[in-house]
Protein backbone atom coordinates (compact mmCIF):
# COMPACT_ATOMS: atom_id res chain seq x y z
CA MET A 1 89.28 90.80 71.27
CA GLU A 2 87.03 91.27 74.28
CA GLY A 3 89.05 88.65 76.15
CA ILE A 4 92.23 90.65 75.66
CA VAL A 5 90.63 93.90 76.89
CA SER A 6 89.38 92.13 80.05
CA LEU A 7 93.01 90.98 80.83
CA LEU A 8 94.47 94.46 80.44
CA PRO A 9 93.68 95.64 84.02
CA LEU A 10 95.27 92.43 85.41
CA VAL A 11 98.41 92.93 83.32
CA ALA A 12 98.64 96.56 84.40
CA ILE A 13 98.44 95.57 88.11
CA ALA A 14 101.11 92.87 87.58
CA LEU A 15 103.36 95.48 85.86
CA LEU A 16 102.86 97.97 88.68
CA PHE A 17 103.60 95.25 91.30
CA TRP A 18 106.84 94.48 89.58
CA LEU A 19 107.85 98.15 89.14
CA LEU A 20 107.05 99.15 92.77
CA ILE A 21 107.94 96.13 94.78
CA ILE A 22 109.97 93.38 93.02
CA ARG A 23 112.48 95.61 91.20
CA PRO A 24 113.50 97.80 94.02
CA ALA A 25 113.83 94.71 96.40
CA SER A 26 116.07 93.08 93.85
CA LYS A 27 118.19 96.10 93.54
CA ARG A 28 118.59 96.39 97.29
CA GLN A 29 119.60 92.63 97.56
CA LYS A 30 122.25 93.03 94.84
CA ASP A 31 123.60 96.23 96.59
CA GLN A 32 123.71 94.34 99.89
CA ALA A 33 125.65 91.42 98.39
CA ARG A 34 128.02 93.81 96.64
CA MET A 35 128.68 95.57 99.98
CA GLN A 36 129.22 92.31 101.92
CA SER A 37 131.69 91.08 99.31
CA ALA A 38 133.72 94.38 99.42
CA VAL A 39 134.34 94.40 103.26
CA THR A 40 138.09 94.68 104.01
CA VAL A 41 140.19 94.22 107.05
CA GLY A 42 140.17 97.23 109.40
CA GLU A 43 136.63 98.40 108.58
CA GLN A 44 134.02 98.95 111.26
CA VAL A 45 130.86 97.07 110.44
CA MET A 46 127.45 96.51 111.99
CA LEU A 47 125.98 93.05 111.87
CA THR A 48 122.31 92.51 111.12
CA SER A 49 121.88 91.72 114.83
CA GLY A 50 123.04 95.19 115.76
CA ILE A 51 126.56 94.18 117.00
CA PHE A 52 129.35 96.57 116.05
CA GLY A 53 132.91 95.48 115.49
CA THR A 54 136.16 95.81 113.54
CA VAL A 55 137.03 93.21 110.85
CA THR A 56 140.41 91.61 111.71
CA GLU A 57 140.66 88.82 109.16
CA LEU A 58 138.70 87.67 106.01
CA THR A 59 137.99 83.96 105.30
CA ASP A 60 136.37 82.34 102.22
CA ASP A 61 132.87 82.10 103.86
CA GLY A 62 133.12 84.63 106.63
CA LEU A 63 135.25 86.94 108.60
CA LEU A 64 136.68 87.48 112.09
CA LEU A 65 135.21 90.36 113.94
CA GLU A 66 136.71 92.07 117.10
CA ILE A 67 133.66 93.20 119.10
CA ALA A 68 135.69 94.15 122.19
CA PRO A 69 139.36 94.36 123.01
CA GLY A 70 140.55 90.75 122.95
CA VAL A 71 137.12 89.32 121.92
CA VAL A 72 137.12 88.03 118.32
CA VAL A 73 134.13 86.21 116.84
CA ARG A 74 133.75 84.44 113.52
CA VAL A 75 130.68 85.48 111.54
CA ALA A 76 129.23 84.71 108.08
CA ARG A 77 129.57 87.45 105.42
CA GLY A 78 125.78 87.52 105.13
CA ALA A 79 125.55 88.72 108.72
CA VAL A 80 127.17 92.11 107.86
CA GLY A 81 124.38 94.68 107.73
CA SER A 82 126.37 97.82 106.91
CA ILE A 83 129.82 99.36 106.94
CA VAL A 84 129.98 101.94 109.62
CA GLN A 85 131.37 105.38 108.63
CA ARG A 86 133.10 107.30 111.33
CA ASP A 87 131.76 110.75 111.94
CA GLU A 88 133.44 113.77 113.46
CA SER A 89 131.82 113.16 116.90
CA GLU A 90 133.69 109.81 117.27
CA ILE A 91 137.11 111.20 116.69
CA GLU A 92 139.01 112.14 119.78
CA PRO A 93 140.35 115.69 120.04
CA ASN A 94 144.03 116.08 119.72
CA ASP A 95 146.23 117.71 122.38
CA GLY A 96 146.35 121.04 120.62
CA ASP A 97 142.53 121.44 120.98
CA ALA A 98 142.65 120.68 124.67
CA GLU A 99 145.23 123.37 125.25
CA SER A 100 143.40 126.06 123.40
CA GLU A 101 140.24 125.37 125.40
CA SER A 102 142.04 125.85 128.70
CA ASN A 103 143.47 129.22 127.73
């Protein structure tokens, strides 16, 4: 009985380690893999190296990414760090907005 009681703190530490470190890391890894497999043509993505581009074609093991007009590179799906969401500041104003500002 005394041996079991002496192991209780060690078991508690291992449980805390699993709850606070291993479980969240595993969840993040699964979410990242799910996001990488859900990439579609036309989406803007950021690679893990920080390069931004637009997906032009999907292949079995990777994708073709246009990083500048006329510059297309082939990258592995695992290199996709995130899908970039366009915010309002990136959208160009239409002609109607420019006319109303000049009046």
